[in-house]
PDB file of all heavy atoms in Angstrom:
ATOM      1  N   VAL A   1     106.062 133.632  50.885  1.00  0.00           N
ATOM      2  CA  VAL A   1     107.356 133.392  51.510  1.00  0.00           C
ATOM      3  C   VAL A   1     107.747 134.624  52.313  1.00  0.00           C
ATOM      4  O   VAL A   1     107.294 135.735  52.016  1.00  0.00           O
ATOM      5  CB  VAL A   1     108.418 133.055  50.431  1.00  0.00           C
ATOM      6  CG1 VAL A   1     108.713 134.248  49.545  1.00  0.00           C
ATOM      7  CG2 VAL A   1     109.689 132.509  51.050  1.00  0.00           C
ATOM      8  N   VAL A   2     108.564 134.409  53.351  1.00  0.00           N
ATOM      9  CA  VAL A   2     109.011 135.499  54.220  1.00  0.00           C
ATOM     10  C   VAL A   2     110.535 135.506  54.268  1.00  0.00           C
ATOM     11  O   VAL A   2     111.168 134.455  54.425  1.00  0.00           O
ATOM     12  CB  VAL A   2     108.462 135.340  55.658  1.00  0.00           C
ATOM     13  CG1 VAL A   2     109.040 136.409  56.592  1.00  0.00           C
ATOM     14  CG2 VAL A   2     106.939 135.402  55.653  1.00  0.00           C
ATOM     15  N   VAL A   3     111.119 136.702  54.107  1.00  0.00           N
ATOM     16  CA  VAL A   3     112.545 136.916  54.338  1.00  0.00           C
ATOM     17  C   VAL A   3     112.656 137.615  55.682  1.00  0.00           C
ATOM     18  O   VAL A   3     112.122 138.715  55.856  1.00  0.00           O
ATOM     19  CB  VAL A   3     113.187 137.761  53.226  1.00  0.00           C
ATOM     20  CG1 VAL A   3     114.668 137.998  53.530  1.00  0.00           C
ATOM     21  CG2 VAL A   3     113.017 137.093  51.865  1.00  0.00           C
ATOM     22  N   LEU A   4     113.342 136.999  56.641  1.00  0.00           N
ATOM     23  CA  LEU A   4     113.264 137.440  58.030  1.00  0.00           C
ATOM     24  C   LEU A   4     114.645 137.583  58.651  1.00  0.00           C
ATOM     25  O   LEU A   4     115.400 136.609  58.742  1.00  0.00           O
ATOM     26  CB  LEU A   4     112.437 136.417  58.825  1.00  0.00           C
ATOM     27  CG  LEU A   4     112.287 136.606  60.325  1.00  0.00           C
ATOM     28  CD1 LEU A   4     111.601 137.929  60.646  1.00  0.00           C
ATOM     29  CD2 LEU A   4     111.497 135.437  60.922  1.00  0.00           C
ATOM     30  N   ASP A   5     114.965 138.816  59.085  1.00  0.00           N
ATOM     31  CA  ASP A   5     116.220 139.049  59.784  1.00  0.00           C
ATOM     32  C   ASP A   5     116.108 138.546  61.215  1.00  0.00           C
ATOM     33  O   ASP A   5     115.032 138.613  61.828  1.00  0.00           O
ATOM     34  CB  ASP A   5     116.532 140.550  59.773  1.00  0.00           C
ATOM     35  CG  ASP A   5     117.930 140.854  60.292  1.00  0.00           C
ATOM     36  OD1 ASP A   5     118.791 139.964  60.221  1.00  0.00           O
ATOM     37  OD2 ASP A   5     118.156 141.983  60.764  1.00  0.00           O
ATOM     38  N   VAL A   6     117.209 138.041  61.773  1.00  0.00           N
ATOM     39  CA  VAL A   6     117.182 137.542  63.150  1.00  0.00           C
ATOM     40  C   VAL A   6     117.166 138.687  64.156  1.00  0.00           C
ATOM     41  O   VAL A   6     116.387 138.687  65.112  1.00  0.00           O
ATOM     42  CB  VAL A   6     118.394 136.610  63.408  1.00  0.00           C
ATOM     43  CG1 VAL A   6     118.473 136.258  64.891  1.00  0.00           C
ATOM     44  CG2 VAL A   6     118.270 135.337  62.585  1.00  0.00           C
ATOM     45  N   MET A   7     118.031 139.701  63.957  1.00  0.00           N
ATOM     46  CA  MET A   7     118.157 140.800  64.913  1.00  0.00           C
ATOM     47  C   MET A   7     117.195 141.917  64.537  1.00  0.00           C
ATOM     48  O   MET A   7     117.375 142.600  63.532  1.00  0.00           O
ATOM     49  CB  MET A   7     119.595 141.324  64.931  1.00  0.00           C
ATOM     50  CG  MET A   7     120.618 140.249  65.290  1.00  0.00           C
ATOM     51  SD  MET A   7     120.301 139.495  66.912  1.00  0.00           S
ATOM     52  CE  MET A   7     120.583 140.902  67.989  1.00  0.00           C
ATOM     53  N   LEU A   8     116.125 142.078  65.350  1.00  0.00           N
ATOM     54  CA  LEU A   8     115.098 143.071  65.072  1.00  0.00           C
ATOM     55  C   LEU A   8     114.729 143.809  66.358  1.00  0.00           C
ATOM     56  O   LEU A   8     114.795 143.229  67.445  1.00  0.00           O
ATOM     57  CB  LEU A   8     113.826 142.404  64.526  1.00  0.00           C
ATOM     58  CG  LEU A   8     113.899 141.733  63.158  1.00  0.00           C
ATOM     59  CD1 LEU A   8     112.638 140.902  62.930  1.00  0.00           C
ATOM     60  CD2 LEU A   8     114.048 142.781  62.053  1.00  0.00           C
ATOM     61  N   PRO A   9     114.313 145.079  66.251  1.00  0.00           N
ATOM     62  CA  PRO A   9     113.757 145.755  67.426  1.00  0.00           C
ATOM     63  C   PRO A   9     112.353 145.250  67.735  1.00  0.00           C
ATOM     64  O   PRO A   9     111.696 144.654  66.890  1.00  0.00           O
ATOM     65  CB  PRO A   9     113.726 147.233  66.992  1.00  0.00           C
ATOM     66  CG  PRO A   9     113.697 147.204  65.498  1.00  0.00           C
ATOM     67  CD  PRO A   9     114.422 145.959  65.074  1.00  0.00           C
ATOM     68  N   GLY A  10     111.899 145.489  68.956  1.00  0.00           N
ATOM     69  CA  GLY A  10     110.575 145.013  69.370  1.00  0.00           C
ATOM     70  C   GLY A  10     110.700 143.627  69.953  1.00  0.00           C
ATOM     71  O   GLY A  10     110.664 143.443  71.163  1.00  0.00           O
ATOM     72  N   PHE A  11     110.831 142.628  69.109  1.00  0.00           N
ATOM     73  CA  PHE A  11     111.291 141.294  69.495  1.00  0.00           C
ATOM     74  C   PHE A  11     111.979 140.694  68.282  1.00  0.00           C
ATOM     75  O   PHE A  11     111.762 141.135  67.148  1.00  0.00           O
ATOM     76  CB  PHE A  11     110.174 140.396  70.045  1.00  0.00           C
ATOM     77  CG  PHE A  11     108.881 140.402  69.272  1.00  0.00           C
ATOM     78  CD1 PHE A  11     108.761 139.726  68.075  1.00  0.00           C
ATOM     79  CD2 PHE A  11     107.775 141.081  69.761  1.00  0.00           C
ATOM     80  CE1 PHE A  11     107.561 139.713  67.369  1.00  0.00           C
ATOM     81  CE2 PHE A  11     106.579 141.080  69.083  1.00  0.00           C
ATOM     82  CZ  PHE A  11     106.468 140.391  67.869  1.00  0.00           C
ATOM     83  N   ASP A  12     112.834 139.698  68.531  1.00  0.00           N
ATOM     84  CA  ASP A  12     113.725 139.238  67.465  1.00  0.00           C
ATOM     85  C   ASP A  12     113.022 138.357  66.438  1.00  0.00           C
ATOM     86  O   ASP A  12     111.850 137.994  66.579  1.00  0.00           O
ATOM     87  CB  ASP A  12     114.955 138.549  68.041  1.00  0.00           C
ATOM     88  CG  ASP A  12     114.639 137.246  68.781  1.00  0.00           C
ATOM     89  OD1 ASP A  12     113.547 136.678  68.574  1.00  0.00           O
ATOM     90  OD2 ASP A  12     115.493 136.784  69.556  1.00  0.00           O
ATOM     91  N   GLY A  13     113.795 138.022  65.388  1.00  0.00           N
ATOM     92  CA  GLY A  13     113.240 137.229  64.307  1.00  0.00           C
ATOM     93  C   GLY A  13     112.825 135.833  64.714  1.00  0.00           C
ATOM     94  O   GLY A  13     111.915 135.249  64.108  1.00  0.00           O
ATOM     95  N   LEU A  14     113.465 135.270  65.740  1.00  0.00           N
ATOM     96  CA  LEU A  14     113.068 133.942  66.210  1.00  0.00           C
ATOM     97  C   LEU A  14     111.652 133.977  66.761  1.00  0.00           C
ATOM     98  O   LEU A  14     110.843 133.076  66.495  1.00  0.00           O
ATOM     99  CB  LEU A  14     114.045 133.448  67.272  1.00  0.00           C
ATOM    100  CG  LEU A  14     115.502 133.290  66.820  1.00  0.00           C
ATOM    101  CD1 LEU A  14     116.375 132.882  68.000  1.00  0.00           C
ATOM    102  CD2 LEU A  14     115.612 132.285  65.684  1.00  0.00           C
ATOM    103  N   GLU A  15     111.333 135.035  67.518  1.00  0.00           N
ATOM    104  CA  GLU A  15     109.981 135.171  68.058  1.00  0.00           C
ATOM    105  C   GLU A  15     108.977 135.451  66.940  1.00  0.00           C
ATOM    106  O   GLU A  15     107.851 134.942  66.963  1.00  0.00           O
ATOM    107  CB  GLU A  15     109.927 136.277  69.109  1.00  0.00           C
ATOM    108  CG  GLU A  15     108.561 136.463  69.760  1.00  0.00           C
ATOM    109  CD  GLU A  15     108.075 135.228  70.509  1.00  0.00           C
ATOM    110  OE1 GLU A  15     108.920 134.403  70.933  1.00  0.00           O
ATOM    111  OE2 GLU A  15     106.845 135.081  70.667  1.00  0.00           O
ATOM    112  N   VAL A  16     109.379 136.254  65.957  1.00  0.00           N
ATOM    113  CA  VAL A  16     108.517 136.489  64.792  1.00  0.00           C
ATOM    114  C   VAL A  16     108.200 135.158  64.120  1.00  0.00           C
ATOM    115  O   VAL A  16     107.040 134.864  63.797  1.00  0.00           O
ATOM    116  CB  VAL A  16     109.194 137.437  63.783  1.00  0.00           C
ATOM    117  CG1 VAL A  16     108.362 137.526  62.494  1.00  0.00           C
ATOM    118  CG2 VAL A  16     109.366 138.832  64.380  1.00  0.00           C
ATOM    119  N   CYS A  17     109.229 134.329  63.927  1.00  0.00           N
ATOM    120  CA  CYS A  17     109.034 133.051  63.251  1.00  0.00           C
ATOM    121  C   CYS A  17     108.092 132.155  64.049  1.00  0.00           C
ATOM    122  O   CYS A  17     107.197 131.522  63.480  1.00  0.00           O
ATOM    123  CB  CYS A  17     110.386 132.372  63.039  1.00  0.00           C
ATOM    124  SG  CYS A  17     110.347 131.002  61.873  1.00  0.00           S
ATOM    125  N   ARG A  18     108.280 132.107  65.369  1.00  0.00           N
ATOM    126  CA  ARG A  18     107.386 131.291  66.203  1.00  0.00           C
ATOM    127  C   ARG A  18     105.936 131.729  66.026  1.00  0.00           C
ATOM    128  O   ARG A  18     105.031 130.898  65.884  1.00  0.00           O
ATOM    129  CB  ARG A  18     107.779 131.424  67.673  1.00  0.00           C
ATOM    130  CG  ARG A  18     109.055 130.735  68.083  1.00  0.00           C
ATOM    131  CD  ARG A  18     109.224 130.771  69.590  1.00  0.00           C
ATOM    132  NE  ARG A  18     110.544 130.317  70.001  1.00  0.00           N
ATOM    133  CZ  ARG A  18     111.567 131.125  70.265  1.00  0.00           C
ATOM    134  NH1 ARG A  18     111.407 132.435  70.173  1.00  0.00           N
ATOM    135  NH2 ARG A  18     112.733 130.627  70.633  1.00  0.00           N
ATOM    136  N   ARG A  19     105.711 133.034  66.076  1.00  0.00           N
ATOM    137  CA  ARG A  19     104.333 133.538  66.040  1.00  0.00           C
ATOM    138  C   ARG A  19     103.671 133.329  64.688  1.00  0.00           C
ATOM    139  O   ARG A  19     102.505 132.926  64.618  1.00  0.00           O
ATOM    140  CB  ARG A  19     104.316 135.027  66.420  1.00  0.00           C
ATOM    141  CG  ARG A  19     104.764 135.284  67.850  1.00  0.00           C
ATOM    142  CD  ARG A  19     104.482 136.706  68.285  1.00  0.00           C
ATOM    143  NE  ARG A  19     105.035 136.976  69.615  1.00  0.00           N
ATOM    144  CZ  ARG A  19     104.714 138.022  70.347  1.00  0.00           C
ATOM    145  NH1 ARG A  19     103.861 138.930  69.891  1.00  0.00           N
ATOM    146  NH2 ARG A  19     105.265 138.195  71.545  1.00  0.00           N
ATOM    147  N   ILE A  20     104.404 133.588  63.609  1.00  0.00           N
ATOM    148  CA  ILE A  20     103.758 133.441  62.297  1.00  0.00           C
ATOM    149  C   ILE A  20     103.557 131.969  61.958  1.00  0.00           C
ATOM    150  O   ILE A  20     102.567 131.607  61.312  1.00  0.00           O
ATOM    151  CB  ILE A  20     104.539 134.170  61.180  1.00  0.00           C
ATOM    152  CG1 ILE A  20     105.940 133.585  60.983  1.00  0.00           C
ATOM    153  CG2 ILE A  20     104.615 135.661  61.486  1.00  0.00           C
ATOM    154  CD1 ILE A  20     106.718 134.244  59.844  1.00  0.00           C
ATOM    155  N   GLN A  21     104.456 131.093  62.389  1.00  0.00           N
ATOM    156  CA  GLN A  21     104.268 129.669  62.119  1.00  0.00           C
ATOM    157  C   GLN A  21     103.134 129.094  62.951  1.00  0.00           C
ATOM    158  O   GLN A  21     102.483 128.142  62.549  1.00  0.00           O
ATOM    159  CB  GLN A  21     105.565 128.895  62.381  1.00  0.00           C
ATOM    160  CG  GLN A  21     106.739 129.299  61.501  1.00  0.00           C
ATOM    161  CD  GLN A  21     106.550 128.965  60.030  1.00  0.00           C
ATOM    162  OE1 GLN A  21     105.440 128.778  59.553  1.00  0.00           O
ATOM    163  NE2 GLN A  21     107.638 128.907  59.292  1.00  0.00           N
ATOM    164  N   HIS A  22     102.907 129.679  64.127  1.00  0.00           N
ATOM    165  CA  HIS A  22     101.786 129.231  64.964  1.00  0.00           C
ATOM    166  C   HIS A  22     100.459 129.562  64.297  1.00  0.00           C
ATOM    167  O   HIS A  22      99.490 128.804  64.389  1.00  0.00           O
ATOM    168  CB  HIS A  22     101.859 129.895  66.343  1.00  0.00           C
ATOM    169  CG  HIS A  22     100.756 129.484  67.278  1.00  0.00           C
ATOM    170  ND1 HIS A  22      99.566 130.187  67.362  1.00  0.00           N
ATOM    171  CD2 HIS A  22     100.653 128.435  68.136  1.00  0.00           C
ATOM    172  CE1 HIS A  22      98.788 129.589  68.253  1.00  0.00           C
ATOM    173  NE2 HIS A  22      99.416 128.532  68.733  1.00  0.00           N
ATOM    174  N   ASP A  23     100.393 130.727  63.637  1.00  0.00           N
ATOM    175  CA  ASP A  23      99.155 131.143  62.981  1.00  0.00           C
ATOM    176  C   ASP A  23      98.870 130.309  61.731  1.00  0.00           C
ATOM    177  O   ASP A  23      97.772 129.778  61.549  1.00  0.00           O
ATOM    178  CB  ASP A  23      99.229 132.625  62.586  1.00  0.00           C
ATOM    179  CG  ASP A  23      99.231 133.549  63.795  1.00  0.00           C
ATOM    180  OD1 ASP A  23      98.857 133.084  64.887  1.00  0.00           O
ATOM    181  OD2 ASP A  23      99.622 134.720  63.647  1.00  0.00           O
ATOM    182  N   GLU A  24      99.847 130.222  60.864  1.00  0.00           N
ATOM    183  CA  GLU A  24      99.674 129.516  59.577  1.00  0.00           C
ATOM    184  C   GLU A  24     101.057 129.248  58.999  1.00  0.00           C
ATOM    185  O   GLU A  24     101.833 130.193  58.811  1.00  0.00           O
ATOM    186  CB  GLU A  24      98.860 130.376  58.605  1.00  0.00           C
ATOM    187  CG  GLU A  24      98.614 129.732  57.265  1.00  0.00           C
ATOM    188  CD  GLU A  24      97.802 130.631  56.335  1.00  0.00           C
ATOM    189  OE1 GLU A  24      97.449 131.749  56.755  1.00  0.00           O
ATOM    190  OE2 GLU A  24      97.545 130.215  55.203  1.00  0.00           O
ATOM    191  N   PRO A  25     101.415 127.990  58.737  1.00  0.00           N
ATOM    192  CA  PRO A  25     102.753 127.696  58.228  1.00  0.00           C
ATOM    193  C   PRO A  25     103.064 128.456  56.947  1.00  0.00           C
ATOM    194  O   PRO A  25     102.234 128.540  56.036  1.00  0.00           O
ATOM    195  CB  PRO A  25     102.703 126.180  57.971  1.00  0.00           C
ATOM    196  CG  PRO A  25     101.631 125.677  58.880  1.00  0.00           C
ATOM    197  CD  PRO A  25     100.607 126.782  58.941  1.00  0.00           C
ATOM    198  N   VAL A  26     104.236 129.058  56.888  1.00  0.00           N
ATOM    199  CA  VAL A  26     104.668 129.807  55.722  1.00  0.00           C
ATOM    200  C   VAL A  26     106.172 129.592  55.570  1.00  0.00           C
ATOM    201  O   VAL A  26     106.893 129.523  56.564  1.00  0.00           O
ATOM    202  CB  VAL A  26     104.336 131.311  55.871  1.00  0.00           C
ATOM    203  CG1 VAL A  26     104.992 131.890  57.107  1.00  0.00           C
ATOM    204  CG2 VAL A  26     104.739 132.096  54.623  1.00  0.00           C
ATOM    205  N   PRO A  27     106.663 129.429  54.349  1.00  0.00           N
ATOM    206  CA  PRO A  27     108.109 129.255  54.163  1.00  0.00           C
ATOM    207  C   PRO A  27     108.865 130.498  54.632  1.00  0.00           C
ATOM    208  O   PRO A  27     108.476 131.625  54.317  1.00  0.00           O
ATOM    209  CB  PRO A  27     108.255 129.057  52.650  1.00  0.00           C
ATOM    210  CG  PRO A  27     106.907 128.647  52.173  1.00  0.00           C
ATOM    211  CD  PRO A  27     105.928 129.320  53.074  1.00  0.00           C
ATOM    212  N   VAL A  28     109.947 130.291  55.370  1.00  0.00           N
ATOM    213  CA  VAL A  28     110.737 131.393  55.922  1.00  0.00           C
ATOM    214  C   VAL A  28     112.208 131.180  55.606  1.00  0.00           C
ATOM    215  O   VAL A  28     112.761 130.101  55.852  1.00  0.00           O
ATOM    216  CB  VAL A  28     110.557 131.505  57.449  1.00  0.00           C
ATOM    217  CG1 VAL A  28     111.526 132.533  58.040  1.00  0.00           C
ATOM    218  CG2 VAL A  28     109.122 131.864  57.803  1.00  0.00           C
ATOM    219  N   LEU A  29     112.834 132.217  55.053  1.00  0.00           N
ATOM    220  CA  LEU A  29     114.281 132.254  54.892  1.00  0.00           C
ATOM    221  C   LEU A  29     114.810 133.291  55.866  1.00  0.00           C
ATOM    222  O   LEU A  29     114.425 134.462  55.793  1.00  0.00           O
ATOM    223  CB  LEU A  29     114.678 132.599  53.462  1.00  0.00           C
ATOM    224  CG  LEU A  29     116.176 132.536  53.142  1.00  0.00           C
ATOM    225  CD1 LEU A  29     116.396 132.132  51.682  1.00  0.00           C
ATOM    226  CD2 LEU A  29     116.885 133.854  53.418  1.00  0.00           C
ATOM    227  N   MET A  30     115.679 132.865  56.799  1.00  0.00           N
ATOM    228  CA  MET A  30     116.188 133.764  57.826  1.00  0.00           C
ATOM    229  C   MET A  30     117.538 134.340  57.410  1.00  0.00           C
ATOM    230  O   MET A  30     118.350 133.658  56.768  1.00  0.00           O
ATOM    231  CB  MET A  30     116.318 133.056  59.171  1.00  0.00           C
ATOM    232  CG  MET A  30     114.998 132.573  59.730  1.00  0.00           C
ATOM    233  SD  MET A  30     115.043 132.190  61.501  1.00  0.00           S
ATOM    234  CE  MET A  30     114.863 133.840  62.185  1.00  0.00           C
ATOM    235  N   LEU A  31     117.750 135.599  57.787  1.00  0.00           N
ATOM    236  CA  LEU A  31     119.018 136.280  57.564  1.00  0.00           C
ATOM    237  C   LEU A  31     119.696 136.489  58.907  1.00  0.00           C
ATOM    238  O   LEU A  31     119.055 136.922  59.869  1.00  0.00           O
ATOM    239  CB  LEU A  31     118.792 137.638  56.896  1.00  0.00           C
ATOM    240  CG  LEU A  31     118.024 137.644  55.576  1.00  0.00           C
ATOM    241  CD1 LEU A  31     117.816 139.088  55.112  1.00  0.00           C
ATOM    242  CD2 LEU A  31     118.777 136.852  54.503  1.00  0.00           C
ATOM    243  N   THR A  32     120.972 136.164  58.992  1.00  0.00           N
ATOM    244  CA  THR A  32     121.700 136.351  60.233  1.00  0.00           C
ATOM    245  C   THR A  32     123.030 137.025  59.963  1.00  0.00           C
ATOM    246  O   THR A  32     123.652 136.781  58.923  1.00  0.00           O
ATOM    247  CB  THR A  32     121.943 135.007  60.959  1.00  0.00           C
ATOM    248  OG1 THR A  32     122.760 135.229  62.108  1.00  0.00           O
ATOM    249  CG2 THR A  32     122.632 134.006  60.056  1.00  0.00           C
ATOM    250  N   ALA A  33     123.445 137.885  60.864  1.00  0.00           N
ATOM    251  CA  ALA A  33     124.723 138.583  60.718  1.00  0.00           C
ATOM    252  C   ALA A  33     125.874 137.746  61.239  1.00  0.00           C
ATOM    253  O   ALA A  33     127.035 138.098  61.053  1.00  0.00           O
ATOM    254  CB  ALA A  33     124.675 139.921  61.446  1.00  0.00           C
ATOM    255  N   ARG A  34     125.562 136.640  61.904  1.00  0.00           N
ATOM    256  CA  ARG A  34     126.603 135.804  62.498  1.00  0.00           C
ATOM    257  C   ARG A  34     126.572 134.414  61.881  1.00  0.00           C
ATOM    258  O   ARG A  34     125.524 133.807  61.763  1.00  0.00           O
ATOM    259  CB  ARG A  34     126.399 135.695  64.013  1.00  0.00           C
ATOM    260  CG  ARG A  34     126.565 137.005  64.742  1.00  0.00           C
ATOM    261  CD  ARG A  34     126.389 136.830  66.232  1.00  0.00           C
ATOM    262  NE  ARG A  34     125.025 136.443  66.582  1.00  0.00           N
ATOM    263  CZ  ARG A  34     124.620 136.217  67.836  1.00  0.00           C
ATOM    264  NH1 ARG A  34     125.478 136.320  68.822  1.00  0.00           N
ATOM    265  NH2 ARG A  34     123.370 135.891  68.085  1.00  0.00           N
ATOM    266  N   ASP A  35     127.749 133.941  61.531  1.00  0.00           N
ATOM    267  CA  ASP A  35     127.865 132.593  60.968  1.00  0.00           C
ATOM    268  C   ASP A  35     128.029 131.609  62.119  1.00  0.00           C
ATOM    269  O   ASP A  35     129.036 130.940  62.278  1.00  0.00           O
ATOM    270  CB  ASP A  35     129.064 132.522  60.021  1.00  0.00           C
ATOM    271  CG  ASP A  35     129.094 131.223  59.230  1.00  0.00           C
ATOM    272  OD1 ASP A  35     128.073 130.516  59.218  1.00  0.00           O
ATOM    273  OD2 ASP A  35     130.141 130.925  58.636  1.00  0.00           O
ATOM    274  N   ASP A  36     126.991 131.556  62.959  1.00  0.00           N
ATOM    275  CA  ASP A  36     127.028 130.749  64.171  1.00  0.00           C
ATOM    276  C   ASP A  36     126.042 129.597  64.015  1.00  0.00           C
ATOM    277  O   ASP A  36     124.846 129.816  63.848  1.00  0.00           O
ATOM    278  CB  ASP A  36     126.653 131.617  65.380  1.00  0.00           C
ATOM    279  CG  ASP A  36     126.816 130.876  66.697  1.00  0.00           C
ATOM    280  OD1 ASP A  36     126.383 129.708  66.783  1.00  0.00           O
ATOM    281  OD2 ASP A  36     127.354 131.478  67.634  1.00  0.00           O
ATOM    282  N   GLU A  37     126.553 128.372  64.067  1.00  0.00           N
ATOM    283  CA  GLU A  37     125.691 127.218  63.814  1.00  0.00           C
ATOM    284  C   GLU A  37     124.594 127.078  64.862  1.00  0.00           C
ATOM    285  O   GLU A  37     123.496 126.623  64.557  1.00  0.00           O
ATOM    286  CB  GLU A  37     126.516 125.943  63.756  1.00  0.00           C
ATOM    287  CG  GLU A  37     125.723 124.750  63.241  1.00  0.00           C
ATOM    288  CD  GLU A  37     126.613 123.579  62.884  1.00  0.00           C
ATOM    289  OE1 GLU A  37     127.517 123.256  63.665  1.00  0.00           O
ATOM    290  OE2 GLU A  37     126.397 122.982  61.819  1.00  0.00           O
ATOM    291  N   THR A  38     124.874 127.496  66.106  1.00  0.00           N
ATOM    292  CA  THR A  38     123.844 127.439  67.136  1.00  0.00           C
ATOM    293  C   THR A  38     122.660 128.315  66.764  1.00  0.00           C
ATOM    294  O   THR A  38     121.500 127.901  66.869  1.00  0.00           O
ATOM    295  CB  THR A  38     124.414 127.876  68.501  1.00  0.00           C
ATOM    296  OG1 THR A  38     125.482 127.009  68.864  1.00  0.00           O
ATOM    297  CG2 THR A  38     123.335 127.821  69.569  1.00  0.00           C
ATOM    298  N   ASP A  39     122.935 129.539  66.300  1.00  0.00           N
ATOM    299  CA  ASP A  39     121.862 130.427  65.855  1.00  0.00           C
ATOM    300  C   ASP A  39     121.076 129.804  64.708  1.00  0.00           C
ATOM    301  O   ASP A  39     119.853 129.901  64.637  1.00  0.00           O
ATOM    302  CB  ASP A  39     122.421 131.776  65.409  1.00  0.00           C
ATOM    303  CG  ASP A  39     122.933 132.608  66.582  1.00  0.00           C
ATOM    304  OD1 ASP A  39     122.607 132.260  67.729  1.00  0.00           O
ATOM    305  OD2 ASP A  39     123.644 133.596  66.338  1.00  0.00           O
ATOM    306  N   MET A  40     121.800 129.169  63.793  1.00  0.00           N
ATOM    307  CA  MET A  40     121.140 128.552  62.646  1.00  0.00           C
ATOM    308  C   MET A  40     120.207 127.429  63.095  1.00  0.00           C
ATOM    309  O   MET A  40     119.072 127.314  62.625  1.00  0.00           O
ATOM    310  CB  MET A  40     122.182 128.006  61.668  1.00  0.00           C
ATOM    311  CG  MET A  40     123.084 129.076  61.060  1.00  0.00           C
ATOM    312  SD  MET A  40     124.450 128.353  60.126  1.00  0.00           S
ATOM    313  CE  MET A  40     125.437 129.808  59.757  1.00  0.00           C
ATOM    314  N   LEU A  41     120.686 126.599  64.024  1.00  0.00           N
ATOM    315  CA  LEU A  41     119.866 125.488  64.504  1.00  0.00           C
ATOM    316  C   LEU A  41     118.647 125.985  65.256  1.00  0.00           C
ATOM    317  O   LEU A  41     117.559 125.417  65.132  1.00  0.00           O
ATOM    318  CB  LEU A  41     120.705 124.567  65.394  1.00  0.00           C
ATOM    319  CG  LEU A  41     121.734 123.692  64.671  1.00  0.00           C
ATOM    320  CD1 LEU A  41     122.620 122.975  65.673  1.00  0.00           C
ATOM    321  CD2 LEU A  41     121.047 122.697  63.752  1.00  0.00           C
ATOM    322  N   VAL A  42     118.817 127.049  66.049  1.00  0.00           N
ATOM    323  CA  VAL A  42     117.668 127.621  66.746  1.00  0.00           C
ATOM    324  C   VAL A  42     116.650 128.132  65.735  1.00  0.00           C
ATOM    325  O   VAL A  42     115.443 127.913  65.868  1.00  0.00           O
ATOM    326  CB  VAL A  42     118.111 128.747  67.703  1.00  0.00           C
ATOM    327  CG1 VAL A  42     116.891 129.479  68.274  1.00  0.00           C
ATOM    328  CG2 VAL A  42     118.949 128.194  68.834  1.00  0.00           C
TER     329      VAL A  42
END
């Protein structure tokens, strides 16, 4: 399992999630500093 923050240097957690899921599906729990439903849906 992966615990993944959304706001990261280098590239953000959304891009991290895209890349790791492309390689091999793995359960991901994302952490976000904003209670924004759009961010959650993305």
